[in-house]
Amino acid sequence: MSVIFLFIDGVGLGKANRSNPFTGFSYQGFSAMAGDQEFSGRASELKETNHLFKFLDARLGVEGLPQSGTGQTALFTGKNAPREIGKHFGPFPHSGIKPFIKEHSLFIKTKQLGKQANFINAYPDIFFKKARERNRWSCTTLMTKSANISLHTTKEVKEEKALTAELTQQAWREHLNIDVPQIIPEEAADRLLEQTEEYDLLLHEYYLTDKAGHSQELEKATRYLQTYDRFLWHLINHKAPSTTIVLSSDHGNVEDLSIKTHTLNSVPLFVYGPGAHKLSGAESIMDVTPGILQLLDNIY
């Protein structure tokens, strides 16, 4: 029995119009997430025994546009990070909220429950070089390091135990000249599913959706969403019956390509599996980590 936590960066539930790449295109995974509805703000919330789809608040009572540093900290700790420092902040975690990640994160609390956690994303050597030089770590990498969990490298990708940021390994081949084969999204999903045999909690981060939102390029957004949709659809259809998938985001962005910034839209919460009811009361992104911990503690 395990939990797969899918963090997809910069995805909100927006208006159904030409600026929203989720409308006008067919996405099996995203539609299934919403209960076979269009993945937009006009979808209805869904509460079934093994399937939950809800709108979550990412603003957390603080003025301004939600940002990644504070949004992800709230998502991964259950604490109101923007209120702590009086503003939304990003893309990296503000010094005033780093203690939340270092001391109260989902990974630390999972280990305190006696469970095993793994961040399946891998990073190339150049990432570690720059991060160490600047001492600038993202919320997910800082959370992993602070819980004394090893960050994956090229080695784990070659051993087929970790995933690259874009899932297919194509960017590592073409832009970093790293000798790894290109794979399809379904193979990436299988690699994640194989790890559920070893870990109680698996986290995967997909940040290209946020990049696409900032670019305002429909072609780029559609390409990244189609890749992730295939990955998600395969996970939904091939996970073990005892595995629960939890998907959420830190703020809106890609759902409105008419602007270059983040949005004020609610973000999705999708829970699929026998632990879905544990998160039925979630109202904001701060409720995701407590719900996952309750799920892990009780094992449904």
C-alpha atoms as a PDB file:
ATOM      1  CA  MET A   1       0.000   0.000   0.000  1.00  0.00           C
ATOM      2  CA  SER A   2       1.445   3.325  -1.030  1.00  0.00           C
ATOM      3  CA  VAL A   3       0.697   6.942  -1.920  1.00  0.00           C
ATOM      4  CA  ILE A   4       1.828   8.620  -5.136  1.00  0.00           C
ATOM      5  CA  PHE A   5       1.882  12.406  -4.703  1.00  0.00           C
ATOM      6  CA  LEU A   6       1.898  14.167  -8.077  1.00  0.00           C
ATOM      7  CA  PHE A   7       2.869  17.826  -7.774  1.00  0.00           C
ATOM      8  CA  ILE A   8       2.169  19.666 -11.033  1.00  0.00           C
ATOM      9  CA  ASP A   9       3.442  23.230 -10.930  1.00  0.00           C
ATOM     10  CA  GLY A  10       1.355  26.207 -12.035  1.00  0.00           C
ATOM     11  CA  VAL A  11      -1.967  24.558 -12.852  1.00  0.00           C
ATOM     12  CA  GLY A  12      -5.243  26.171 -11.860  1.00  0.00           C
ATOM     13  CA  LEU A  13      -8.857  25.695 -12.822  1.00  0.00           C
ATOM     14  CA  GLY A  14      -9.584  28.604 -15.125  1.00  0.00           C
ATOM     15  CA  LYS A  15     -12.225  29.960 -17.452  1.00  0.00           C
ATOM     16  CA  ALA A  16     -13.088  27.890 -20.485  1.00  0.00           C
ATOM     17  CA  ASN A  17     -11.874  30.135 -23.298  1.00  0.00           C
ATOM     18  CA  ARG A  18      -9.235  30.431 -26.022  1.00  0.00           C
ATOM     19  CA  SER A  19      -6.555  31.393 -23.526  1.00  0.00           C
ATOM     20  CA  ASN A  20      -6.978  28.123 -21.643  1.00  0.00           C
ATOM     21  CA  PRO A  21      -5.081  25.198 -23.235  1.00  0.00           C
ATOM     22  CA  PHE A  22      -7.269  22.742 -21.318  1.00  0.00           C
ATOM     23  CA  THR A  23     -10.287  23.757 -23.400  1.00  0.00           C
ATOM     24  CA  GLY A  24     -10.478  22.897 -27.055  1.00  0.00           C
ATOM     25  CA  PHE A  25      -8.110  19.936 -26.650  1.00  0.00           C
ATOM     26  CA  SER A  26      -8.761  16.366 -25.540  1.00  0.00           C
ATOM     27  CA  TYR A  27      -6.891  15.198 -22.445  1.00  0.00           C
ATOM     28  CA  GLN A  28      -7.863  11.749 -21.176  1.00  0.00           C
ATOM     29  CA  GLY A  29      -6.012  11.956 -17.873  1.00  0.00           C
ATOM     30  CA  PHE A  30      -7.068  15.467 -16.924  1.00  0.00           C
ATOM     31  CA  SER A  31     -10.662  14.740 -17.912  1.00  0.00           C
ATOM     32  CA  ALA A  32     -10.677  11.524 -15.878  1.00  0.00           C
ATOM     33  CA  MET A  33      -9.289  13.464 -12.934  1.00  0.00           C
ATOM     34  CA  ALA A  34     -12.293  15.763 -13.085  1.00  0.00           C
ATOM     35  CA  GLY A  35     -14.731  12.854 -13.349  1.00  0.00           C
ATOM     36  CA  ASP A  36     -14.994  12.902 -17.163  1.00  0.00           C
ATOM     37  CA  GLN A  37     -15.634  16.634 -17.126  1.00  0.00           C
ATOM     38  CA  GLU A  38     -13.756  19.416 -18.855  1.00  0.00           C
ATOM     39  CA  PHE A  39     -10.751  20.371 -16.743  1.00  0.00           C
ATOM     40  CA  SER A  40     -11.757  23.974 -16.087  1.00  0.00           C
ATOM     41  CA  GLY A  41     -13.441  26.220 -13.567  1.00  0.00           C
ATOM     42  CA  ARG A  42     -16.880  25.142 -14.703  1.00  0.00           C
ATOM     43  CA  ALA A  43     -16.336  21.524 -13.635  1.00  0.00           C
ATOM     44  CA  SER A  44     -18.237  20.284 -10.591  1.00  0.00           C
ATOM     45  CA  GLU A  45     -16.535  18.890  -7.521  1.00  0.00           C
ATOM     46  CA  LEU A  46     -16.706  15.141  -7.118  1.00  0.00           C
ATOM     47  CA  LYS A  47     -16.765  13.026  -3.967  1.00  0.00           C
ATOM     48  CA  GLU A  48     -16.941   9.278  -4.453  1.00  0.00           C
ATOM     49  CA  THR A  49     -15.594   6.427  -2.358  1.00  0.00           C
ATOM     50  CA  ASN A  50     -12.350   6.134  -4.296  1.00  0.00           C
ATOM     51  CA  HIS A  51     -12.365   9.344  -6.343  1.00  0.00           C
ATOM     52  CA  LEU A  52     -12.137  12.920  -5.101  1.00  0.00           C
ATOM     53  CA  PHE A  53     -11.923  16.086  -7.205  1.00  0.00           C
ATOM     54  CA  LYS A  54     -11.969  19.452  -5.471  1.00  0.00           C
ATOM     55  CA  PHE A  55     -11.060  23.109  -5.939  1.00  0.00           C
ATOM     56  CA  LEU A  56      -8.422  24.293  -3.456  1.00  0.00           C
ATOM     57  CA  ASP A  57      -7.618  27.842  -2.392  1.00  0.00           C
ATOM     58  CA  ALA A  58      -4.011  28.838  -3.121  1.00  0.00           C
ATOM     59  CA  ARG A  59      -4.305  32.454  -1.948  1.00  0.00           C
ATOM     60  CA  LEU A  60      -4.388  31.619   1.778  1.00  0.00           C
ATOM     61  CA  GLY A  61      -5.802  34.982   2.850  1.00  0.00           C
ATOM     62  CA  VAL A  62      -2.807  36.977   1.637  1.00  0.00           C
ATOM     63  CA  GLU A  63      -3.086  39.744  -0.964  1.00  0.00           C
ATOM     64  CA  GLY A  64      -1.280  39.373  -4.273  1.00  0.00           C
ATOM     65  CA  LEU A  65      -0.605  36.575  -6.706  1.00  0.00           C
ATOM     66  CA  PRO A  66       0.402  33.210  -5.213  1.00  0.00           C
ATOM     67  CA  GLN A  67       4.036  32.262  -5.837  1.00  0.00           C
ATOM     68  CA  SER A  68       5.993  29.027  -5.888  1.00  0.00           C
ATOM     69  CA  GLY A  69       8.196  29.506  -2.823  1.00  0.00           C
ATOM     70  CA  THR A  70       5.354  30.164  -0.424  1.00  0.00           C
ATOM     71  CA  GLY A  71       2.796  28.024  -2.263  1.00  0.00           C
ATOM     72  CA  GLN A  72       4.940  24.922  -2.312  1.00  0.00           C
ATOM     73  CA  THR A  73       5.955  25.422   1.290  1.00  0.00           C
ATOM     74  CA  ALA A  74       2.277  25.544   2.266  1.00  0.00           C
ATOM     75  CA  LEU A  75       1.537  22.508   0.117  1.00  0.00           C
ATOM     76  CA  PHE A  76       4.381  20.409   1.556  1.00  0.00           C
ATOM     77  CA  THR A  77       4.127  21.479   5.223  1.00  0.00           C
ATOM     78  CA  GLY A  78       0.484  22.357   5.876  1.00  0.00           C
ATOM     79  CA  LYS A  79       1.550  25.763   7.206  1.00  0.00           C
ATOM     80  CA  ASN A  80       0.504  29.204   5.965  1.00  0.00           C
ATOM     81  CA  ALA A  81       3.846  30.274   4.527  1.00  0.00           C
ATOM     82  CA  PRO A  82       2.718  33.550   2.879  1.00  0.00           C
ATOM     83  CA  ARG A  83       1.050  34.703   6.073  1.00  0.00           C
ATOM     84  CA  GLU A  84       4.243  33.936   8.001  1.00  0.00           C
ATOM     85  CA  ILE A  85       6.239  36.445   5.941  1.00  0.00           C
ATOM     86  CA  GLY A  86       3.332  38.711   5.018  1.00  0.00           C
ATOM     87  CA  LYS A  87       3.495  38.145   1.274  1.00  0.00           C
ATOM     88  CA  HIS A  88       3.601  35.618  -1.525  1.00  0.00           C
ATOM     89  CA  PHE A  89       7.204  34.887  -2.494  1.00  0.00           C
ATOM     90  CA  GLY A  90       9.072  32.834  -5.051  1.00  0.00           C
ATOM     91  CA  PRO A  91      10.355  30.994  -6.923  1.00  0.00           C
ATOM     92  CA  PHE A  92      12.629  29.780  -4.120  1.00  0.00           C
ATOM     93  CA  PRO A  93      11.645  29.543  -0.460  1.00  0.00           C
ATOM     94  CA  HIS A  94      12.099  32.752   1.566  1.00  0.00           C
ATOM     95  CA  SER A  95      14.539  32.551   4.499  1.00  0.00           C
ATOM     96  CA  GLY A  96      11.627  33.205   6.863  1.00  0.00           C
ATOM     97  CA  ILE A  97       9.858  29.997   5.868  1.00  0.00           C
ATOM     98  CA  LYS A  98      12.805  27.645   5.312  1.00  0.00           C
ATOM     99  CA  PRO A  99      12.385  26.327   8.887  1.00  0.00           C
ATOM    100  CA  PHE A 100       8.927  25.067   7.901  1.00  0.00           C
ATOM    101  CA  ILE A 101      10.508  22.928   5.181  1.00  0.00           C
ATOM    102  CA  LYS A 102      13.511  21.876   7.236  1.00  0.00           C
ATOM    103  CA  GLU A 103      11.534  20.877  10.330  1.00  0.00           C
ATOM    104  CA  HIS A 104       7.880  20.230   9.424  1.00  0.00           C
ATOM    105  CA  SER A 105       7.784  18.860   5.880  1.00  0.00           C
ATOM    106  CA  LEU A 106       5.783  15.975   4.521  1.00  0.00           C
ATOM    107  CA  PHE A 107       8.956  13.904   4.155  1.00  0.00           C
ATOM    108  CA  ILE A 108      10.129  14.495   7.722  1.00  0.00           C
ATOM    109  CA  LYS A 109       6.714  13.642   9.133  1.00  0.00           C
ATOM    110  CA  THR A 110       6.439  10.568   6.902  1.00  0.00           C
ATOM    111  CA  LYS A 111       9.718   9.293   8.341  1.00  0.00           C
ATOM    112  CA  GLN A 112       8.472  10.049  11.858  1.00  0.00           C
ATOM    113  CA  LEU A 113       5.579   7.692  11.126  1.00  0.00           C
ATOM    114  CA  GLY A 114       8.120   4.986  10.349  1.00  0.00           C
ATOM    115  CA  LYS A 115       7.360   5.130   6.621  1.00  0.00           C
ATOM    116  CA  GLN A 116       9.679   5.311   3.622  1.00  0.00           C
ATOM    117  CA  ALA A 117       9.536   8.292   1.248  1.00  0.00           C
ATOM    118  CA  ASN A 118      11.197   8.940  -2.103  1.00  0.00           C
ATOM    119  CA  PHE A 119      11.426  11.974  -4.403  1.00  0.00           C
ATOM    120  CA  ILE A 120      11.655  10.302  -7.799  1.00  0.00           C
ATOM    121  CA  ASN A 121      12.888  13.319  -9.779  1.00  0.00           C
ATOM    122  CA  ALA A 122      16.552  13.268 -10.823  1.00  0.00           C
ATOM    123  CA  TYR A 123      18.899  16.175 -11.475  1.00  0.00           C
ATOM    124  CA  PRO A 124      21.954  16.491 -13.739  1.00  0.00           C
ATOM    125  CA  ASP A 125      25.390  17.401 -12.402  1.00  0.00           C
ATOM    126  CA  ILE A 126      25.055  21.026 -13.544  1.00  0.00           C
ATOM    127  CA  PHE A 127      22.054  21.480 -11.245  1.00  0.00           C
ATOM    128  CA  PHE A 128      23.999  20.405  -8.163  1.00  0.00           C
ATOM    129  CA  LYS A 129      26.952  22.613  -9.112  1.00  0.00           C
ATOM    130  CA  LYS A 130      24.794  25.749  -9.446  1.00  0.00           C
ATOM    131  CA  ALA A 131      22.633  24.996  -6.402  1.00  0.00           C
ATOM    132  CA  ARG A 132      25.670  24.561  -4.177  1.00  0.00           C
ATOM    133  CA  GLU A 133      27.395  27.680  -5.521  1.00  0.00           C
ATOM    134  CA  ARG A 134      24.349  29.851  -4.866  1.00  0.00           C
ATOM    135  CA  ASN A 135      22.969  27.846  -1.946  1.00  0.00           C
ATOM    136  CA  ARG A 136      19.583  28.065  -3.649  1.00  0.00           C
ATOM    137  CA  TRP A 137      17.441  24.976  -3.448  1.00  0.00           C
ATOM    138  CA  SER A 138      13.838  24.589  -4.555  1.00  0.00           C
ATOM    139  CA  CYS A 139      11.179  23.626  -2.032  1.00  0.00           C
ATOM    140  CA  THR A 140      11.185  19.992  -3.158  1.00  0.00           C
ATOM    141  CA  THR A 141      14.959  19.586  -3.167  1.00  0.00           C
ATOM    142  CA  LEU A 142      15.361  21.396   0.174  1.00  0.00           C
ATOM    143  CA  MET A 143      12.614  19.225   1.654  1.00  0.00           C
ATOM    144  CA  THR A 144      14.353  16.083   0.409  1.00  0.00           C
ATOM    145  CA  LYS A 145      17.804  17.105   1.659  1.00  0.00           C
ATOM    146  CA  SER A 146      16.428  18.204   5.045  1.00  0.00           C
ATOM    147  CA  ALA A 147      14.821  14.797   5.551  1.00  0.00           C
ATOM    148  CA  ASN A 148      18.163  13.093   4.806  1.00  0.00           C
ATOM    149  CA  ILE A 149      16.779  11.534   1.647  1.00  0.00           C
ATOM    150  CA  SER A 150      19.212  11.375  -1.265  1.00  0.00           C
ATOM    151  CA  LEU A 151      18.518  13.430  -4.358  1.00  0.00           C
ATOM    152  CA  HIS A 152      18.692  11.360  -7.517  1.00  0.00           C
ATOM    153  CA  THR A 153      21.352  11.905 -10.173  1.00  0.00           C
ATOM    154  CA  THR A 154      22.158  10.677 -13.664  1.00  0.00           C
ATOM    155  CA  LYS A 155      23.102   7.346 -12.120  1.00  0.00           C
ATOM    156  CA  GLU A 156      19.539   6.582 -10.991  1.00  0.00           C
ATOM    157  CA  VAL A 157      18.137   7.664 -14.363  1.00  0.00           C
ATOM    158  CA  LYS A 158      20.426   5.222 -16.139  1.00  0.00           C
ATOM    159  CA  GLU A 159      19.385   2.529 -13.669  1.00  0.00           C
ATOM    160  CA  GLU A 160      15.734   3.328 -14.492  1.00  0.00           C
ATOM    161  CA  LYS A 161      14.981   4.231 -10.872  1.00  0.00           C
ATOM    162  CA  ALA A 162      14.347   7.964 -11.324  1.00  0.00           C
ATOM    163  CA  LEU A 163      12.704  10.384 -13.749  1.00  0.00           C
ATOM    164  CA  THR A 164      13.931  13.476 -15.544  1.00  0.00           C
ATOM    165  CA  ALA A 165      11.982  16.730 -15.339  1.00  0.00           C
ATOM    166  CA  GLU A 166      10.327  16.364 -18.738  1.00  0.00           C
ATOM    167  CA  LEU A 167       9.628  12.618 -18.222  1.00  0.00           C
ATOM    168  CA  THR A 168      10.893  11.482 -21.621  1.00  0.00           C
ATOM    169  CA  GLN A 169      14.645  12.111 -21.037  1.00  0.00           C
ATOM    170  CA  GLN A 170      14.729  13.947 -24.369  1.00  0.00           C
ATOM    171  CA  ALA A 171      16.012  17.235 -22.929  1.00  0.00           C
ATOM    172  CA  TRP A 172      18.852  15.464 -21.133  1.00  0.00           C
ATOM    173  CA  ARG A 173      19.894  13.910 -24.446  1.00  0.00           C
ATOM    174  CA  GLU A 174      19.493  16.961 -26.676  1.00  0.00           C
ATOM    175  CA  HIS A 175      20.432  19.878 -24.409  1.00  0.00           C
ATOM    176  CA  LEU A 176      22.751  18.331 -21.820  1.00  0.00           C
ATOM    177  CA  ASN A 177      24.347  15.655 -24.014  1.00  0.00           C
ATOM    178  CA  ILE A 178      23.748  12.993 -21.393  1.00  0.00           C
ATOM    179  CA  ASP A 179      23.744   9.474 -22.792  1.00  0.00           C
ATOM    180  CA  VAL A 180      20.311   8.223 -21.774  1.00  0.00           C
ATOM    181  CA  PRO A 181      17.650   6.779 -24.087  1.00  0.00           C
ATOM    182  CA  GLN A 182      14.506   8.674 -24.925  1.00  0.00           C
ATOM    183  CA  ILE A 183      11.420   7.065 -23.376  1.00  0.00           C
ATOM    184  CA  ILE A 184       7.685   7.602 -23.754  1.00  0.00           C
ATOM    185  CA  PRO A 185       5.454   8.989 -20.959  1.00  0.00           C
ATOM    186  CA  GLU A 186       3.935   5.571 -20.328  1.00  0.00           C
ATOM    187  CA  GLU A 187       7.386   4.116 -19.630  1.00  0.00           C
ATOM    188  CA  ALA A 188       8.023   6.937 -17.172  1.00  0.00           C
ATOM    189  CA  ALA A 189       4.747   6.084 -15.437  1.00  0.00           C
ATOM    190  CA  ASP A 190       5.737   2.425 -15.199  1.00  0.00           C
ATOM    191  CA  ARG A 191       9.060   3.427 -13.659  1.00  0.00           C
ATOM    192  CA  LEU A 192       7.167   5.350 -10.980  1.00  0.00           C
ATOM    193  CA  LEU A 193       4.729   2.504 -10.387  1.00  0.00           C
ATOM    194  CA  GLU A 194       7.591   0.041  -9.910  1.00  0.00           C
ATOM    195  CA  GLN A 195       8.887   2.154  -7.031  1.00  0.00           C
ATOM    196  CA  THR A 196       5.609   1.746  -5.103  1.00  0.00           C
ATOM    197  CA  GLU A 197       6.838  -1.733  -4.140  1.00  0.00           C
ATOM    198  CA  GLU A 198       9.662  -0.157  -2.106  1.00  0.00           C
ATOM    199  CA  TYR A 199       8.200   3.100  -0.758  1.00  0.00           C
ATOM    200  CA  ASP A 200       5.140   4.174   1.195  1.00  0.00           C
ATOM    201  CA  LEU A 201       5.200   7.681  -0.318  1.00  0.00           C
ATOM    202  CA  LEU A 202       6.490   8.702  -3.736  1.00  0.00           C
ATOM    203  CA  LEU A 203       6.641  12.333  -4.855  1.00  0.00           C
ATOM    204  CA  HIS A 204       6.945  13.469  -8.464  1.00  0.00           C
ATOM    205  CA  GLU A 205       7.269  17.104  -9.565  1.00  0.00           C
ATOM    206  CA  TYR A 206       6.392  18.416 -13.044  1.00  0.00           C
ATOM    207  CA  TYR A 207       7.314  22.079 -13.418  1.00  0.00           C
ATOM    208  CA  LEU A 208       7.157  22.521 -17.201  1.00  0.00           C
ATOM    209  CA  THR A 209       3.503  23.546 -16.963  1.00  0.00           C
ATOM    210  CA  ASP A 210       4.556  26.621 -15.003  1.00  0.00           C
ATOM    211  CA  LYS A 211       7.247  27.418 -17.564  1.00  0.00           C
ATOM    212  CA  ALA A 212       4.704  27.099 -20.367  1.00  0.00           C
ATOM    213  CA  GLY A 213       2.340  29.465 -18.584  1.00  0.00           C
ATOM    214  CA  HIS A 214       5.017  32.134 -18.306  1.00  0.00           C
ATOM    215  CA  SER A 215       5.906  31.693 -21.972  1.00  0.00           C
ATOM    216  CA  GLN A 216       2.272  32.306 -23.060  1.00  0.00           C
ATOM    217  CA  GLU A 217       2.921  29.888 -25.942  1.00  0.00           C
ATOM    218  CA  LEU A 218      -0.061  27.668 -26.729  1.00  0.00           C
ATOM    219  CA  GLU A 219       2.020  25.155 -28.683  1.00  0.00           C
ATOM    220  CA  LYS A 220       4.460  24.715 -25.817  1.00  0.00           C
ATOM    221  CA  ALA A 221       1.681  24.465 -23.238  1.00  0.00           C
ATOM    222  CA  THR A 222      -0.193  21.892 -25.307  1.00  0.00           C
ATOM    223  CA  ARG A 223       2.934  19.802 -25.841  1.00  0.00           C
ATOM    224  CA  TYR A 224       3.832  19.735 -22.155  1.00  0.00           C
ATOM    225  CA  LEU A 225       0.247  18.994 -21.136  1.00  0.00           C
ATOM    226  CA  GLN A 226      -0.089  16.171 -23.658  1.00  0.00           C
ATOM    227  CA  THR A 227       3.072  14.529 -22.339  1.00  0.00           C
ATOM    228  CA  TYR A 228       1.892  14.783 -18.755  1.00  0.00           C
ATOM    229  CA  ASP A 229      -1.617  13.661 -19.696  1.00  0.00           C
ATOM    230  CA  ARG A 230      -0.285  10.410 -21.140  1.00  0.00           C
ATOM    231  CA  PHE A 231       1.779   9.890 -17.981  1.00  0.00           C
ATOM    232  CA  LEU A 232      -1.231  10.586 -15.743  1.00  0.00           C
ATOM    233  CA  TRP A 233      -3.631   8.445 -17.762  1.00  0.00           C
ATOM    234  CA  HIS A 234      -1.269   5.482 -17.537  1.00  0.00           C
ATOM    235  CA  LEU A 235      -0.883   5.894 -13.778  1.00  0.00           C
ATOM    236  CA  ILE A 236      -4.641   6.046 -13.294  1.00  0.00           C
ATOM    237  CA  ASN A 237      -5.196   2.893 -15.297  1.00  0.00           C
ATOM    238  CA  HIS A 238      -2.266   0.788 -14.105  1.00  0.00           C
ATOM    239  CA  LYS A 239      -1.776   1.601 -10.431  1.00  0.00           C
ATOM    240  CA  ALA A 240      -2.281  -1.203  -7.927  1.00  0.00           C
ATOM    241  CA  PRO A 241      -5.744  -1.274  -6.302  1.00  0.00           C
ATOM    242  CA  SER A 242      -4.158  -0.523  -2.926  1.00  0.00           C
ATOM    243  CA  THR A 243      -2.280   2.558  -4.197  1.00  0.00           C
ATOM    244  CA  THR A 244      -3.735   6.050  -3.834  1.00  0.00           C
ATOM    245  CA  ILE A 245      -2.818   8.885  -6.207  1.00  0.00           C
ATOM    246  CA  VAL A 246      -2.892  12.460  -4.860  1.00  0.00           C
ATOM    247  CA  LEU A 247      -2.424  15.335  -7.325  1.00  0.00           C
ATOM    248  CA  SER A 248      -2.342  19.049  -6.618  1.00  0.00           C
ATOM    249  CA  SER A 249      -0.605  22.311  -7.522  1.00  0.00           C
ATOM    250  CA  ASP A 250       0.841  25.390  -5.835  1.00  0.00           C
ATOM    251  CA  HIS A 251      -0.884  28.140  -7.850  1.00  0.00           C
ATOM    252  CA  GLY A 252      -2.552  28.793 -11.169  1.00  0.00           C
ATOM    253  CA  ASN A 253      -0.717  29.850 -14.334  1.00  0.00           C
ATOM    254  CA  VAL A 254      -0.884  27.723 -17.478  1.00  0.00           C
ATOM    255  CA  GLU A 255      -4.697  27.774 -17.551  1.00  0.00           C
ATOM    256  CA  ASP A 256      -4.627  31.435 -18.638  1.00  0.00           C
ATOM    257  CA  LEU A 257      -2.128  32.157 -21.412  1.00  0.00           C
ATOM    258  CA  SER A 258      -3.486  35.673 -21.908  1.00  0.00           C
ATOM    259  CA  ILE A 259      -1.217  36.830 -19.071  1.00  0.00           C
ATOM    260  CA  LYS A 260       2.416  36.110 -18.237  1.00  0.00           C
ATOM    261  CA  THR A 261       1.926  35.938 -14.492  1.00  0.00           C
ATOM    262  CA  HIS A 262       0.403  33.474 -12.072  1.00  0.00           C
ATOM    263  CA  THR A 263      -3.352  33.605 -11.491  1.00  0.00           C
ATOM    264  CA  LEU A 264      -5.750  33.815  -8.563  1.00  0.00           C
ATOM    265  CA  ASN A 265      -7.597  30.677  -9.650  1.00  0.00           C
ATOM    266  CA  SER A 266      -8.222  27.708  -7.392  1.00  0.00           C
ATOM    267  CA  VAL A 267      -5.996  24.696  -7.975  1.00  0.00           C
ATOM    268  CA  PRO A 268      -7.122  21.078  -8.355  1.00  0.00           C
ATOM    269  CA  LEU A 269      -7.055  18.341  -5.773  1.00  0.00           C
ATOM    270  CA  PHE A 270      -7.408  14.894  -7.288  1.00  0.00           C
ATOM    271  CA  VAL A 271      -7.328  11.792  -5.094  1.00  0.00           C
ATOM    272  CA  TYR A 272      -7.853   8.367  -6.633  1.00  0.00           C
ATOM    273  CA  GLY A 273      -7.726   5.146  -4.667  1.00  0.00           C
ATOM    274  CA  PRO A 274      -8.832   3.667  -1.346  1.00  0.00           C
ATOM    275  CA  GLY A 275      -7.579   6.660   0.653  1.00  0.00           C
ATOM    276  CA  ALA A 276      -9.615   9.295  -1.186  1.00  0.00           C
ATOM    277  CA  HIS A 277     -11.951   9.978   1.732  1.00  0.00           C
ATOM    278  CA  LYS A 278      -9.029  11.085   3.940  1.00  0.00           C
ATOM    279  CA  LEU A 279      -8.784  14.340   1.993  1.00  0.00           C
ATOM    280  CA  SER A 280     -12.488  15.002   1.457  1.00  0.00           C
ATOM    281  CA  GLY A 281     -12.438  17.946   3.886  1.00  0.00           C
ATOM    282  CA  ALA A 282      -9.556  19.762   2.193  1.00  0.00           C
ATOM    283  CA  GLU A 283     -10.266  23.415   1.382  1.00  0.00           C
ATOM    284  CA  SER A 284      -6.821  24.901   0.687  1.00  0.00           C
ATOM    285  CA  ILE A 285      -3.370  23.754  -0.356  1.00  0.00           C
ATOM    286  CA  MET A 286      -2.436  23.671   3.348  1.00  0.00           C
ATOM    287  CA  ASP A 287      -4.736  20.672   3.796  1.00  0.00           C
ATOM    288  CA  VAL A 288      -2.933  18.346   1.380  1.00  0.00           C
ATOM    289  CA  THR A 289       0.035  17.322   3.533  1.00  0.00           C
ATOM    290  CA  PRO A 290      -2.082  16.700   6.679  1.00  0.00           C
ATOM    291  CA  GLY A 291      -4.442  14.571   4.582  1.00  0.00           C
ATOM    292  CA  ILE A 292      -1.610  12.499   3.120  1.00  0.00           C
ATOM    293  CA  LEU A 293      -0.113  11.991   6.580  1.00  0.00           C
ATOM    294  CA  GLN A 294      -3.450  10.845   7.953  1.00  0.00           C
ATOM    295  CA  LEU A 295      -3.732   8.466   5.038  1.00  0.00           C
ATOM    296  CA  LEU A 296      -0.240   7.066   5.653  1.00  0.00           C
ATOM    297  CA  ASP A 297      -0.765   6.808   9.400  1.00  0.00           C
ATOM    298  CA  ASN A 298      -4.016   4.898   9.163  1.00  0.00           C
ATOM    299  CA  ILE A 299      -3.323   3.096   5.871  1.00  0.00           C
ATOM    300  CA  TYR A 300      -6.897   3.728   4.847  1.00  0.00           C
END
